[in-house]
Amino acid sequence: MTVCVFSGQGAQYEGMGRNLAAQSQAANLVYEECSEYLGFDVLSLDTEQLKETRFSQPAIVVLSLAAYRALADCIPASASPNMMAGFSLGEYSMLGASGVLSMKDLMTLLVKRSEFMQKSCDERAGGMYAILGLQDDVVNQFCEDYQGPGIVMGANYNSPGQIVISGDLEAVDTVAALCQENGAKKVVKLNVAGAFHTPLMKGAAEEIREFARSLEFKPAHCPIFSNIDGQKIPHNIDFPEYLAQHMISPVRWTDEVRQIIASGGSHFVEFGPGKTLVGLIRRIDKTQSIDRVEDAATLQKVIDKINATDAASS
């Protein structure tokens, strides 16, 4: 079964999507439509703009959706995706690709989300570190044992031996140093403005819940999975409440990928900039078939692979 997975924030770069939009009419239409809703040309964003959440988040989601539409436009219906998932911000791409939100509502929601998140960051500064080479329970114990001011906790469970901690600045700095002293292979401070996926984002979560009440959420046209618990999202879920919880809850990506595989997922395709999810999924389960689409070259590679597989099974 084919699983579409959508990239999170962090791998954006100037010029992303231009090659894809030039080669695929379906992708170009996504860019034109979303740029109109957003009020700026997504393909023209420069490096400095892409450092700002209000530009980077929509740009990543639009590229992800454009790549998804470009592939869907070129493969047989029999090869349509069976399941979908997204990493953090990528869940918003998932909501668009699965038909839960219209493009207009999704773009409006993304603009509001970035505003709410920035407001929370301004009110209480936070930070995040990626910790590589220590087991999750070891890092979690360091977070639980921390006795100083503020909070720190595991925020992204990316793959075995790779976890991101998040919280108040002094707290994350202290625990990150402790991880370094106790055998972490690598400790990397992330270039983010706040403590994402923690209770420090409670204000933003409350605002997004209220705003999302004004939007129309429809049933997904295929099973979609959750960062919060790794399970399939129920068809009758209260999405405004879910989005609020998603903002303050850890991303349990390892559990999610394992649950997708247990549900029959066997061919993952990442949509969006970079290949972060490709790497994480390979570390979670090396037996999986994994591809990605972000430009014309990777698009053609996946089209050829899917068509060859479809022809062989006919």
Protein backbone atom coordinates (compact mmCIF):
# COMPACT_ATOMS: atom_id res chain seq x y z
CA MET A 1 0.00 0.00 0.00
CA THR A 2 1.24 3.49 -0.89
CA VAL A 3 1.61 5.97 1.96
CA CYS A 4 1.92 9.71 1.28
CA VAL A 5 3.93 11.54 3.95
CA PHE A 6 4.33 15.31 4.09
CA SER A 7 7.42 17.23 5.22
CA GLY A 8 7.66 19.39 8.31
CA GLN A 9 9.38 22.75 8.73
CA GLY A 10 13.12 23.31 8.47
CA ALA A 11 14.25 22.23 4.97
CA GLN A 12 12.82 25.20 3.03
CA TYR A 13 15.09 26.97 0.53
CA GLU A 14 14.85 29.83 -1.96
CA GLY A 15 13.55 28.72 -5.35
CA MET A 16 11.89 25.54 -4.17
CA GLY A 17 8.94 24.59 -6.34
CA ARG A 18 9.93 26.67 -9.36
CA ASN A 19 11.26 23.75 -11.38
CA LEU A 20 8.25 21.62 -10.46
CA ALA A 21 5.74 24.35 -11.36
CA ALA A 22 7.49 24.93 -14.69
CA GLN A 23 7.24 21.24 -15.62
CA SER A 24 3.83 20.31 -14.22
CA GLN A 25 0.61 22.14 -15.02
CA ALA A 26 -1.07 20.53 -12.00
CA ALA A 27 1.64 21.84 -9.68
CA ASN A 28 1.55 25.29 -11.27
CA LEU A 29 -2.20 25.52 -10.72
CA VAL A 30 -1.69 24.80 -7.01
CA TYR A 31 0.84 27.62 -6.81
CA GLU A 32 -1.43 30.05 -8.64
CA GLU A 33 -4.45 29.22 -6.48
CA CYS A 34 -2.60 29.33 -3.17
CA SER A 35 -0.72 32.52 -4.02
CA GLU A 36 -4.05 34.21 -4.68
CA TYR A 37 -5.44 33.10 -1.31
CA LEU A 38 -2.27 34.04 0.56
CA GLY A 39 -1.82 37.44 -1.05
CA PHE A 40 1.80 36.88 -2.12
CA ASP A 41 3.65 34.93 -4.84
CA VAL A 42 4.86 31.78 -3.09
CA LEU A 43 7.39 31.02 -5.83
CA SER A 44 9.08 34.41 -5.42
CA LEU A 45 9.95 34.15 -1.72
CA ASP A 46 13.63 34.79 -1.00
CA THR A 47 15.93 33.35 1.67
CA GLU A 48 15.24 36.09 4.21
CA GLN A 49 11.47 35.76 3.85
CA LEU A 50 11.68 31.98 4.24
CA LYS A 51 13.25 32.49 7.67
CA GLU A 52 9.92 33.97 8.81
CA THR A 53 7.23 31.56 9.97
CA ARG A 54 4.48 33.50 8.19
CA PHE A 55 6.14 32.76 4.85
CA SER A 56 7.96 29.48 5.44
CA GLN A 57 4.98 27.48 6.71
CA PRO A 58 2.68 28.25 3.74
CA ALA A 59 5.58 27.79 1.32
CA ILE A 60 6.32 24.28 2.61
CA VAL A 61 2.68 23.25 2.56
CA VAL A 62 2.12 24.64 -0.95
CA LEU A 63 5.17 22.80 -2.31
CA SER A 64 4.00 19.60 -0.63
CA LEU A 65 0.53 19.89 -2.15
CA ALA A 66 1.89 20.89 -5.56
CA ALA A 67 4.18 17.83 -5.57
CA TYR A 68 1.30 15.61 -4.52
CA ARG A 69 -1.01 16.97 -7.24
CA ALA A 70 1.74 16.67 -9.85
CA LEU A 71 2.18 12.98 -9.08
CA ALA A 72 -1.55 12.29 -8.86
CA ASP A 73 -1.96 13.88 -12.31
CA CYS A 74 0.47 11.41 -13.89
CA ILE A 75 -0.31 8.00 -12.40
CA PRO A 76 -3.21 5.57 -12.88
CA ALA A 77 -6.12 5.65 -10.41
CA SER A 78 -5.13 2.18 -9.25
CA ALA A 79 -1.94 3.68 -7.82
CA SER A 80 -3.72 6.29 -5.70
CA PRO A 81 -2.46 6.58 -2.09
CA ASN A 82 -3.92 4.26 0.49
CA MET A 83 -2.86 6.22 3.59
CA MET A 84 -1.48 9.64 4.55
CA ALA A 85 0.57 11.17 7.36
CA GLY A 86 2.44 14.40 7.98
CA PHE A 87 5.27 15.43 10.28
CA SER A 88 4.27 18.37 12.53
CA LEU A 89 3.44 21.13 10.00
CA GLY A 90 3.09 18.33 7.45
CA GLU A 91 -0.23 17.35 9.03
CA TYR A 92 -1.67 20.52 7.48
CA SER A 93 -0.49 19.37 4.04
CA MET A 94 -2.14 16.04 4.84
CA LEU A 95 -5.44 17.79 5.61
CA GLY A 96 -5.33 19.48 2.20
CA ALA A 97 -4.26 16.42 0.21
CA SER A 98 -6.83 14.16 1.87
CA GLY A 99 -9.70 16.58 1.19
CA VAL A 100 -10.39 17.44 4.83
CA LEU A 101 -9.89 21.16 4.12
CA SER A 102 -10.40 23.17 0.94
CA MET A 103 -7.34 24.99 -0.37
CA LYS A 104 -8.80 28.35 0.62
CA ASP A 105 -9.57 27.28 4.19
CA LEU A 106 -6.18 25.62 4.53
CA MET A 107 -4.28 28.73 3.44
CA THR A 108 -6.35 30.90 5.77
CA LEU A 109 -5.68 28.50 8.64
CA LEU A 110 -1.93 28.49 7.97
CA VAL A 111 -1.73 32.28 8.08
CA LYS A 112 -3.59 32.36 11.38
CA ARG A 113 -1.50 29.49 12.78
CA SER A 114 1.76 31.33 12.14
CA GLU A 115 0.34 34.50 13.75
CA PHE A 116 -0.82 32.61 16.84
CA MET A 117 2.49 30.76 17.17
CA GLN A 118 4.54 33.94 16.84
CA LYS A 119 2.42 35.60 19.52
CA SER A 120 3.07 32.70 21.92
CA CYS A 121 6.79 32.84 21.15
CA ASP A 122 6.88 36.59 21.86
CA GLU A 123 5.10 36.10 25.17
CA ARG A 124 7.43 33.34 26.40
CA ALA A 125 10.72 32.55 24.71
CA GLY A 126 11.62 28.93 24.20
CA GLY A 127 13.98 26.67 22.30
CA MET A 128 14.52 23.18 20.91
CA TYR A 129 17.48 20.80 20.59
CA ALA A 130 17.89 17.63 18.54
CA ILE A 131 19.57 14.89 20.58
CA LEU A 132 21.18 12.07 18.59
CA GLY A 133 22.64 8.86 19.92
CA LEU A 134 20.79 8.47 23.23
CA GLN A 135 17.76 6.30 23.91
CA ASP A 136 14.43 8.07 24.34
CA ASP A 137 14.00 6.94 27.93
CA VAL A 138 17.41 8.32 28.89
CA VAL A 139 16.62 11.77 27.47
CA ASN A 140 13.13 11.70 28.97
CA GLN A 141 14.61 10.93 32.38
CA PHE A 142 16.95 13.92 32.12
CA CYS A 143 13.92 16.10 31.34
CA GLU A 144 11.94 14.68 34.28
CA ASP A 145 14.86 15.15 36.68
CA TYR A 146 15.37 18.80 35.74
CA GLN A 147 14.68 20.95 38.80
CA GLY A 148 15.39 24.47 37.54
CA PRO A 149 12.99 27.19 36.37
CA GLY A 150 10.73 26.52 33.39
CA ILE A 151 9.87 23.25 31.70
CA VAL A 152 11.60 20.90 29.26
CA MET A 153 10.22 17.77 27.59
CA GLY A 154 10.51 15.46 24.62
CA ALA A 155 8.76 17.11 21.67
CA ASN A 156 9.62 15.05 18.59
CA TYR A 157 10.26 11.30 18.73
CA ASN A 158 11.79 11.15 15.26
CA SER A 159 13.35 7.67 15.10
CA PRO A 160 15.19 5.30 17.44
CA GLY A 161 18.09 7.27 18.92
CA GLN A 162 16.85 10.65 17.69
CA ILE A 163 14.67 12.87 19.87
CA VAL A 164 14.02 16.62 20.02
CA ILE A 165 13.62 18.33 23.38
CA SER A 166 11.66 21.56 23.74
CA GLY A 167 10.93 24.08 26.49
CA ASP A 168 12.02 27.27 28.22
CA LEU A 169 15.48 28.47 27.16
CA GLU A 170 17.34 27.81 30.42
CA ALA A 171 15.70 24.42 30.80
CA VAL A 172 16.51 23.14 27.29
CA ASP A 173 20.06 24.53 27.45
CA THR A 174 20.64 22.69 30.73
CA VAL A 175 19.24 19.34 29.60
CA ALA A 176 20.97 19.56 26.21
CA ALA A 177 24.31 20.05 27.99
CA LEU A 178 23.53 17.10 30.25
CA CYS A 179 22.84 14.91 27.21
CA GLN A 180 26.14 16.00 25.66
CA GLU A 181 28.01 15.14 28.87
CA ASN A 182 26.38 11.71 29.03
CA GLY A 183 27.24 10.30 25.64
CA ALA A 184 24.99 11.91 23.02
CA LYS A 185 26.67 11.61 19.63
CA LYS A 186 25.34 14.98 18.55
CA VAL A 187 23.39 17.83 20.14
CA VAL A 188 22.05 20.46 17.76
CA LYS A 189 20.20 23.64 18.71
CA LEU A 190 17.37 24.16 16.24
CA ASN A 191 16.76 27.50 14.56
CA VAL A 192 13.25 28.02 15.91
CA ALA A 193 11.60 30.86 17.78
CA GLY A 194 9.76 28.88 20.44
CA ALA A 195 9.08 25.68 22.34
CA PHE A 196 6.89 23.96 19.78
CA HIS A 197 4.82 20.89 20.70
CA THR A 198 4.82 21.75 24.41
CA PRO A 199 2.34 23.43 26.81
CA LEU A 200 4.23 26.70 26.18
CA MET A 201 2.14 26.93 23.00
CA LYS A 202 -1.13 26.78 24.97
CA GLY A 203 -2.16 30.32 24.00
CA ALA A 204 -1.71 29.57 20.30
CA ALA A 205 -3.56 26.27 20.72
CA GLU A 206 -6.58 27.99 22.25
CA GLU A 207 -6.67 30.57 19.47
CA ILE A 208 -6.38 28.04 16.67
CA ARG A 209 -9.19 25.98 18.21
CA GLU A 210 -11.52 28.97 18.17
CA PHE A 211 -10.55 30.10 14.69
CA ALA A 212 -10.87 26.59 13.24
CA ARG A 213 -14.50 26.47 14.42
CA SER A 214 -15.28 28.81 11.50
CA LEU A 215 -13.93 26.37 8.89
CA GLU A 216 -15.55 23.41 7.16
CA PHE A 217 -13.89 20.04 7.79
CA LYS A 218 -14.86 17.13 5.52
CA PRO A 219 -14.17 13.39 5.83
CA ALA A 220 -10.77 12.32 4.52
CA HIS A 221 -10.88 10.26 1.31
CA CYS A 222 -8.32 7.80 2.73
CA PRO A 223 -7.05 6.82 6.18
CA ILE A 224 -4.95 9.57 7.83
CA PHE A 225 -2.70 9.13 10.85
CA SER A 226 -1.94 11.26 13.90
CA ASN A 227 1.30 12.65 15.33
CA ILE A 228 -0.29 12.71 18.78
CA ASP A 229 -0.65 8.96 19.35
CA GLY A 230 0.45 7.39 16.07
CA GLN A 231 -3.01 5.97 15.42
CA LYS A 232 -5.48 6.42 12.58
CA ILE A 233 -7.53 9.59 13.05
CA PRO A 234 -11.24 8.74 13.56
CA HIS A 235 -13.58 9.94 10.82
CA ASN A 236 -15.73 11.78 13.38
CA ILE A 237 -12.91 13.61 15.14
CA ASP A 238 -13.42 17.18 16.36
CA PHE A 239 -10.73 18.75 14.16
CA PRO A 240 -10.57 22.18 15.86
CA GLU A 241 -9.93 20.44 19.17
CA TYR A 242 -7.49 18.06 17.50
CA LEU A 243 -5.47 20.92 16.00
CA ALA A 244 -5.25 22.58 19.41
CA GLN A 245 -3.97 19.36 21.01
CA HIS A 246 -1.57 18.81 18.11
CA MET A 247 0.08 22.15 18.83
CA ILE A 248 0.93 21.29 22.45
CA SER A 249 1.57 17.53 22.11
CA PRO A 250 4.78 15.68 21.18
CA VAL A 251 5.16 14.33 17.64
CA ARG A 252 5.37 10.56 18.04
CA TRP A 253 6.68 9.88 14.54
CA THR A 254 8.36 6.57 15.35
CA ASP A 255 5.13 5.12 16.73
CA GLU A 256 3.15 6.55 13.83
CA VAL A 257 5.34 5.02 11.13
CA ARG A 258 5.29 1.65 12.88
CA GLN A 259 1.50 1.76 13.12
CA ILE A 260 1.21 2.63 9.41
CA ILE A 261 3.43 -0.32 8.53
CA ALA A 262 1.37 -2.59 10.79
CA SER A 263 -1.73 -1.34 8.93
CA GLY A 264 -0.28 -2.46 5.59
CA GLY A 265 1.82 0.51 4.46
CA SER A 266 4.70 -0.66 2.29
CA HIS A 267 5.65 2.15 -0.10
CA PHE A 268 6.25 5.61 1.39
CA VAL A 269 6.46 8.76 -0.75
CA GLU A 270 7.58 12.01 0.91
CA PHE A 271 6.23 15.27 -0.52
CA GLY A 272 7.95 18.56 0.29
CA PRO A 273 11.43 20.07 0.52
CA GLY A 274 14.38 17.85 1.38
CA LYS A 275 14.42 14.23 2.42
CA THR A 276 14.16 14.34 6.21
CA LEU A 277 11.29 11.88 6.42
CA VAL A 278 13.00 9.50 3.98
CA GLY A 279 15.93 9.30 6.38
CA LEU A 280 13.77 8.91 9.49
CA ILE A 281 11.60 6.16 7.99
CA ARG A 282 14.70 4.24 6.89
CA ARG A 283 16.03 4.38 10.45
CA ILE A 284 12.67 3.18 11.80
CA ASP A 285 12.35 0.27 9.33
CA LYS A 286 15.08 -0.42 6.76
CA THR A 287 12.86 -2.83 4.82
CA GLN A 288 10.49 -0.15 3.56
CA SER A 289 10.35 1.19 -0.01
CA ILE A 290 10.74 4.99 0.20
CA ASP A 291 10.71 7.72 -2.45
CA ARG A 292 10.26 11.48 -2.49
CA VAL A 293 8.88 14.21 -4.76
CA GLU A 294 9.99 17.84 -4.61
CA ASP A 295 11.02 18.75 -8.18
CA ALA A 296 10.68 17.58 -11.78
CA ALA A 297 13.47 14.99 -11.54
CA THR A 298 12.19 13.26 -8.40
CA LEU A 299 8.64 13.43 -9.77
CA GLN A 300 9.62 11.58 -12.95
CA LYS A 301 11.55 8.97 -10.98
CA VAL A 302 8.50 8.11 -8.87
CA ILE A 303 6.16 8.15 -11.89
CA ASP A 304 8.41 5.64 -13.69
CA LYS A 305 8.57 3.40 -10.62
CA ILE A 306 4.81 3.42 -10.02
CA ASN A 307 3.98 2.83 -13.69
CA ALA A 308 6.44 -0.06 -13.85
CA THR A 309 4.95 -1.63 -10.74
CA ASP A 310 1.41 -1.13 -12.04
CA ALA A 311 2.29 -2.69 -15.40
CA ALA A 312 3.94 -5.69 -13.75
CA SER A 313 0.84 -6.37 -11.66
CA SER A 314 -1.58 -6.07 -14.60
